Amino acid sequence: MVAPRPPISIYCEHYQAVIELIGRRWMGAILRVLMSDEPRRFNEVLAAIPGLSDRLLTERLRELTEHEIVERVPAPDISPIAIQYRLTNSGRDLEVVVRAISAWARRWRGGP
């Protein structure tokens, strides 16, 4: 026998805020690029997403940083002023959700 699922409230302000954040244009693609095990430089993220402008990437990385999903980390082995981006622990928790959405998209929409 399967246990019944708890009811989902009609409106949840936290859910809505997160959906609006991760649903912004290019946000999903940026998160997928940052899911690699290594931190990524700005230009690496930009090159990995065809059609994304540097202005919009800057804006999205700033938003993700403000929400503590992504963090800026120094890369002294590359340059004294180089910065890389990586997911925080909170961002890593979000990885499960992004992967689930990717699996759903492959099943229902067809795609990589």
N, C-alpha and C. Protein backbone atom coordinates (compact mmCIF):
# COMPACT_ATOMS: atom_id res chain seq x y z
N MET A 1 0.84 -1.18 0.00
CA MET A 1 0.00 0.00 0.00
C MET A 1 0.89 1.25 0.00
N VAL A 2 0.56 2.18 -0.84
CA VAL A 2 1.33 3.41 -0.98
C VAL A 2 0.77 4.46 -0.02
N ALA A 3 1.66 5.09 0.71
CA ALA A 3 1.23 6.13 1.65
C ALA A 3 0.77 7.35 0.86
N PRO A 4 -0.31 7.98 1.28
CA PRO A 4 -0.79 9.17 0.56
C PRO A 4 0.20 10.31 0.68
N ARG A 5 0.28 11.07 -0.38
CA ARG A 5 1.16 12.24 -0.36
C ARG A 5 0.50 13.35 0.45
N PRO A 6 1.32 14.13 1.15
CA PRO A 6 0.73 15.27 1.86
C PRO A 6 0.20 16.28 0.85
N PRO A 7 -0.86 16.98 1.18
CA PRO A 7 -1.42 17.95 0.23
C PRO A 7 -0.45 19.10 -0.01
N ILE A 8 -0.51 19.63 -1.21
CA ILE A 8 0.29 20.81 -1.57
C ILE A 8 -0.61 22.02 -1.41
N SER A 9 -0.13 23.00 -0.67
CA SER A 9 -0.95 24.20 -0.49
C SER A 9 -1.13 24.91 -1.82
N ILE A 10 -2.19 25.63 -1.93
CA ILE A 10 -2.50 26.32 -3.18
C ILE A 10 -1.42 27.35 -3.52
N TYR A 11 -0.94 28.05 -2.54
CA TYR A 11 0.09 29.06 -2.78
C TYR A 11 1.16 28.98 -1.71
N CYS A 12 2.40 28.99 -2.15
CA CYS A 12 3.53 29.00 -1.22
C CYS A 12 4.49 30.08 -1.70
N GLU A 13 4.68 31.08 -0.91
CA GLU A 13 5.50 32.22 -1.34
C GLU A 13 6.96 31.81 -1.57
N HIS A 14 7.48 30.87 -0.79
CA HIS A 14 8.88 30.43 -0.97
C HIS A 14 9.04 29.68 -2.29
N TYR A 15 8.11 28.80 -2.57
CA TYR A 15 8.12 28.06 -3.83
C TYR A 15 8.05 29.03 -5.00
N GLN A 16 7.15 29.98 -4.94
CA GLN A 16 6.97 30.94 -6.02
C GLN A 16 8.24 31.75 -6.25
N ALA A 17 8.88 32.17 -5.19
CA ALA A 17 10.11 32.96 -5.32
C ALA A 17 11.22 32.16 -5.99
N VAL A 18 11.35 30.89 -5.61
CA VAL A 18 12.41 30.05 -6.20
C VAL A 18 12.10 29.74 -7.66
N ILE A 19 10.86 29.43 -7.97
CA ILE A 19 10.48 29.15 -9.36
C ILE A 19 10.74 30.37 -10.24
N GLU A 20 10.41 31.55 -9.73
CA GLU A 20 10.66 32.76 -10.51
C GLU A 20 12.15 33.01 -10.70
N LEU A 21 12.95 32.67 -9.70
CA LEU A 21 14.41 32.85 -9.82
C LEU A 21 14.99 31.87 -10.84
N ILE A 22 14.76 30.59 -10.65
CA ILE A 22 15.40 29.61 -11.54
C ILE A 22 14.72 29.55 -12.91
N GLY A 23 13.53 30.14 -13.02
CA GLY A 23 12.84 30.15 -14.30
C GLY A 23 13.20 31.32 -15.20
N ARG A 24 14.07 32.20 -14.72
CA ARG A 24 14.48 33.35 -15.55
C ARG A 24 15.25 32.85 -16.77
N ARG A 25 15.21 33.66 -17.81
CA ARG A 25 15.88 33.30 -19.06
C ARG A 25 17.35 32.98 -18.82
N TRP A 26 17.81 31.86 -19.34
CA TRP A 26 19.18 31.35 -19.30
C TRP A 26 19.60 30.78 -17.94
N MET A 27 18.78 30.93 -16.91
CA MET A 27 19.18 30.50 -15.57
C MET A 27 19.44 29.00 -15.52
N GLY A 28 18.57 28.22 -16.13
CA GLY A 28 18.75 26.76 -16.12
C GLY A 28 20.03 26.35 -16.81
N ALA A 29 20.34 26.96 -17.92
CA ALA A 29 21.57 26.64 -18.65
C ALA A 29 22.81 27.01 -17.83
N ILE A 30 22.75 28.14 -17.18
CA ILE A 30 23.88 28.58 -16.34
C ILE A 30 24.08 27.60 -15.19
N LEU A 31 23.00 27.20 -14.55
CA LEU A 31 23.11 26.23 -13.46
C LEU A 31 23.70 24.91 -13.94
N ARG A 32 23.27 24.45 -15.11
CA ARG A 32 23.80 23.19 -15.64
C ARG A 32 25.30 23.29 -15.89
N VAL A 33 25.76 24.41 -16.43
CA VAL A 33 27.20 24.58 -16.67
C VAL A 33 27.96 24.54 -15.34
N LEU A 34 27.40 25.17 -14.32
CA LEU A 34 28.08 25.24 -13.03
C LEU A 34 27.98 23.94 -12.23
N MET A 35 27.23 22.96 -12.72
CA MET A 35 27.14 21.68 -12.03
C MET A 35 28.39 20.82 -12.19
N SER A 36 29.31 21.26 -13.04
CA SER A 36 30.56 20.51 -13.17
C SER A 36 31.29 20.54 -11.84
N ASP A 37 32.20 19.65 -11.66
CA ASP A 37 32.91 19.57 -10.39
C ASP A 37 33.91 20.71 -10.19
N GLU A 38 34.29 21.34 -11.27
CA GLU A 38 35.29 22.40 -11.20
C GLU A 38 34.63 23.78 -11.28
N PRO A 39 35.16 24.75 -10.56
CA PRO A 39 34.66 26.13 -10.74
C PRO A 39 34.90 26.58 -12.18
N ARG A 40 34.07 27.47 -12.65
CA ARG A 40 34.17 27.94 -14.03
C ARG A 40 34.41 29.44 -14.07
N ARG A 41 35.25 29.85 -15.00
CA ARG A 41 35.47 31.26 -15.22
C ARG A 41 34.30 31.81 -16.03
N PHE A 42 34.12 33.12 -15.95
CA PHE A 42 33.03 33.80 -16.64
C PHE A 42 32.99 33.41 -18.12
N ASN A 43 34.14 33.51 -18.80
CA ASN A 43 34.18 33.23 -20.24
C ASN A 43 33.92 31.76 -20.56
N GLU A 44 34.22 30.86 -19.63
CA GLU A 44 33.90 29.45 -19.84
C GLU A 44 32.39 29.24 -19.83
N VAL A 45 31.73 29.88 -18.89
CA VAL A 45 30.26 29.79 -18.82
C VAL A 45 29.66 30.40 -20.08
N LEU A 46 30.15 31.57 -20.45
CA LEU A 46 29.64 32.27 -21.64
C LEU A 46 29.81 31.42 -22.90
N ALA A 47 30.98 30.80 -23.06
CA ALA A 47 31.25 29.99 -24.25
C ALA A 47 30.41 28.72 -24.29
N ALA A 48 30.01 28.22 -23.14
CA ALA A 48 29.25 26.98 -23.07
C ALA A 48 27.78 27.15 -23.43
N ILE A 49 27.30 28.40 -23.49
CA ILE A 49 25.87 28.66 -23.72
C ILE A 49 25.71 29.55 -24.94
N PRO A 50 25.49 28.95 -26.11
CA PRO A 50 25.32 29.75 -27.33
C PRO A 50 24.13 30.71 -27.21
N GLY A 51 24.36 31.95 -27.61
CA GLY A 51 23.30 32.94 -27.62
C GLY A 51 23.19 33.78 -26.36
N LEU A 52 23.91 33.41 -25.31
CA LEU A 52 23.87 34.16 -24.05
C LEU A 52 24.82 35.36 -24.15
N SER A 53 24.33 36.54 -23.80
CA SER A 53 25.18 37.74 -23.86
C SER A 53 25.96 37.88 -22.55
N ASP A 54 27.09 38.57 -22.63
CA ASP A 54 27.89 38.77 -21.41
C ASP A 54 27.15 39.64 -20.40
N ARG A 55 26.35 40.59 -20.88
CA ARG A 55 25.58 41.44 -19.97
C ARG A 55 24.57 40.61 -19.17
N LEU A 56 23.87 39.73 -19.87
CA LEU A 56 22.86 38.91 -19.19
C LEU A 56 23.52 37.88 -18.27
N LEU A 57 24.65 37.32 -18.68
CA LEU A 57 25.36 36.39 -17.80
C LEU A 57 25.79 37.10 -16.52
N THR A 58 26.31 38.30 -16.66
CA THR A 58 26.70 39.09 -15.48
C THR A 58 25.52 39.27 -14.55
N GLU A 59 24.38 39.63 -15.11
CA GLU A 59 23.17 39.86 -14.31
C GLU A 59 22.73 38.57 -13.60
N ARG A 60 22.71 37.46 -14.33
CA ARG A 60 22.26 36.20 -13.75
C ARG A 60 23.24 35.70 -12.67
N LEU A 61 24.53 35.82 -12.90
CA LEU A 61 25.50 35.40 -11.89
C LEU A 61 25.37 36.26 -10.64
N ARG A 62 25.10 37.53 -10.83
CA ARG A 62 24.90 38.43 -9.68
C ARG A 62 23.67 37.99 -8.87
N GLU A 63 22.59 37.66 -9.56
CA GLU A 63 21.37 37.20 -8.88
C GLU A 63 21.63 35.90 -8.12
N LEU A 64 22.30 34.96 -8.77
CA LEU A 64 22.58 33.68 -8.12
C LEU A 64 23.50 33.86 -6.92
N THR A 65 24.43 34.80 -7.02
CA THR A 65 25.33 35.09 -5.90
C THR A 65 24.57 35.74 -4.75
N GLU A 66 23.70 36.68 -5.07
CA GLU A 66 22.90 37.34 -4.03
C GLU A 66 22.02 36.35 -3.27
N HIS A 67 21.55 35.33 -3.96
CA HIS A 67 20.69 34.31 -3.33
C HIS A 67 21.50 33.15 -2.76
N GLU A 68 22.81 33.29 -2.77
CA GLU A 68 23.75 32.31 -2.21
C GLU A 68 23.60 30.92 -2.83
N ILE A 69 23.33 30.90 -4.13
CA ILE A 69 23.28 29.65 -4.89
C ILE A 69 24.62 29.44 -5.59
N VAL A 70 25.25 30.55 -5.93
CA VAL A 70 26.58 30.54 -6.57
C VAL A 70 27.49 31.43 -5.76
N GLU A 71 28.77 31.07 -5.74
CA GLU A 71 29.75 31.93 -5.07
C GLU A 71 30.91 32.23 -6.01
N ARG A 72 31.47 33.40 -5.80
CA ARG A 72 32.66 33.83 -6.53
C ARG A 72 33.87 33.37 -5.73
N VAL A 73 34.81 32.74 -6.41
CA VAL A 73 36.01 32.27 -5.72
C VAL A 73 37.24 32.74 -6.49
N PRO A 74 38.27 33.16 -5.77
CA PRO A 74 39.50 33.59 -6.44
C PRO A 74 40.19 32.41 -7.10
N ALA A 75 40.89 32.68 -8.18
CA ALA A 75 41.65 31.65 -8.91
C ALA A 75 43.09 32.11 -9.04
N PRO A 76 43.83 32.14 -7.92
CA PRO A 76 45.20 32.68 -7.96
C PRO A 76 46.14 31.87 -8.85
N ASP A 77 45.83 30.60 -9.12
CA ASP A 77 46.68 29.80 -10.00
C ASP A 77 46.57 30.26 -11.45
N ILE A 78 45.47 30.95 -11.78
CA ILE A 78 45.28 31.47 -13.14
C ILE A 78 45.83 32.89 -13.24
N SER A 79 45.45 33.72 -12.28
CA SER A 79 45.86 35.13 -12.26
C SER A 79 45.54 35.69 -10.88
N PRO A 80 46.28 36.68 -10.44
CA PRO A 80 45.99 37.27 -9.12
C PRO A 80 44.60 37.90 -9.03
N ILE A 81 44.01 38.27 -10.17
CA ILE A 81 42.71 38.91 -10.13
C ILE A 81 41.60 38.04 -10.72
N ALA A 82 41.93 36.82 -11.12
CA ALA A 82 40.94 35.94 -11.75
C ALA A 82 39.88 35.49 -10.75
N ILE A 83 38.66 35.43 -11.22
CA ILE A 83 37.51 34.98 -10.41
C ILE A 83 36.86 33.81 -11.13
N GLN A 84 36.45 32.84 -10.35
CA GLN A 84 35.68 31.71 -10.87
C GLN A 84 34.36 31.64 -10.12
N TYR A 85 33.43 30.88 -10.69
CA TYR A 85 32.11 30.71 -10.08
C TYR A 85 31.87 29.23 -9.84
N ARG A 86 31.25 28.94 -8.70
CA ARG A 86 30.87 27.56 -8.41
C ARG A 86 29.60 27.58 -7.57
N LEU A 87 28.91 26.44 -7.57
CA LEU A 87 27.71 26.32 -6.76
C LEU A 87 28.06 26.25 -5.29
N THR A 88 27.25 26.86 -4.46
CA THR A 88 27.38 26.73 -3.01
C THR A 88 26.73 25.41 -2.60
N ASN A 89 26.73 25.11 -1.32
CA ASN A 89 26.02 23.93 -0.85
C ASN A 89 24.54 24.01 -1.21
N SER A 90 23.98 25.19 -1.08
CA SER A 90 22.58 25.41 -1.46
C SER A 90 22.38 25.15 -2.95
N GLY A 91 23.32 25.60 -3.76
CA GLY A 91 23.26 25.36 -5.19
C GLY A 91 23.39 23.89 -5.53
N ARG A 92 24.24 23.19 -4.79
CA ARG A 92 24.40 21.73 -4.98
C ARG A 92 23.09 21.01 -4.64
N ASP A 93 22.39 21.48 -3.63
CA ASP A 93 21.08 20.90 -3.30
C ASP A 93 20.11 21.09 -4.46
N LEU A 94 20.21 22.21 -5.13
CA LEU A 94 19.34 22.51 -6.27
C LEU A 94 19.64 21.61 -7.47
N GLU A 95 20.83 21.05 -7.49
CA GLU A 95 21.24 20.17 -8.60
C GLU A 95 20.26 19.00 -8.78
N VAL A 96 19.77 18.46 -7.70
CA VAL A 96 18.80 17.35 -7.77
C VAL A 96 17.55 17.79 -8.54
N VAL A 97 17.11 19.01 -8.27
CA VAL A 97 15.92 19.55 -8.92
C VAL A 97 16.19 19.76 -10.41
N VAL A 98 17.33 20.35 -10.74
CA VAL A 98 17.67 20.62 -12.15
C VAL A 98 17.78 19.31 -12.91
N ARG A 99 18.40 18.31 -12.30
CA ARG A 99 18.51 17.00 -12.97
C ARG A 99 17.14 16.36 -13.17
N ALA A 100 16.25 16.51 -12.20
CA ALA A 100 14.90 15.96 -12.33
C ALA A 100 14.15 16.65 -13.46
N ILE A 101 14.30 17.96 -13.56
CA ILE A 101 13.64 18.69 -14.66
C ILE A 101 14.24 18.26 -16.00
N SER A 102 15.55 18.05 -16.05
CA SER A 102 16.20 17.59 -17.29
C SER A 102 15.66 16.22 -17.70
N ALA A 103 15.51 15.32 -16.73
CA ALA A 103 14.97 13.98 -17.03
C ALA A 103 13.54 14.10 -17.54
N TRP A 104 12.75 14.94 -16.90
CA TRP A 104 11.37 15.15 -17.34
C TRP A 104 11.35 15.69 -18.77
N ALA A 105 12.22 16.65 -19.06
CA ALA A 105 12.27 17.25 -20.41
C ALA A 105 12.64 16.20 -21.45
N ARG A 106 13.58 15.32 -21.14
CA ARG A 106 13.95 14.26 -22.09
C ARG A 106 12.76 13.34 -22.35
N ARG A 107 12.02 12.98 -21.30
CA ARG A 107 10.89 12.07 -21.47
C ARG A 107 9.74 12.71 -22.23
N TRP A 108 9.42 13.96 -21.90
CA TRP A 108 8.20 14.56 -22.40
C TRP A 108 8.40 15.55 -23.54
N ARG A 109 9.57 16.08 -23.67
CA ARG A 109 9.80 17.07 -24.74
C ARG A 109 10.83 16.60 -25.74
N GLY A 110 11.57 15.59 -25.37
CA GLY A 110 12.65 15.11 -26.22
C GLY A 110 13.81 16.06 -26.18
N GLY A 111 14.96 15.59 -25.87
CA GLY A 111 16.13 16.46 -25.81
C GLY A 111 17.28 15.78 -25.14
N PRO A 112 18.45 16.44 -25.09
CA PRO A 112 19.65 15.82 -24.51
C PRO A 112 19.60 15.73 -23.01
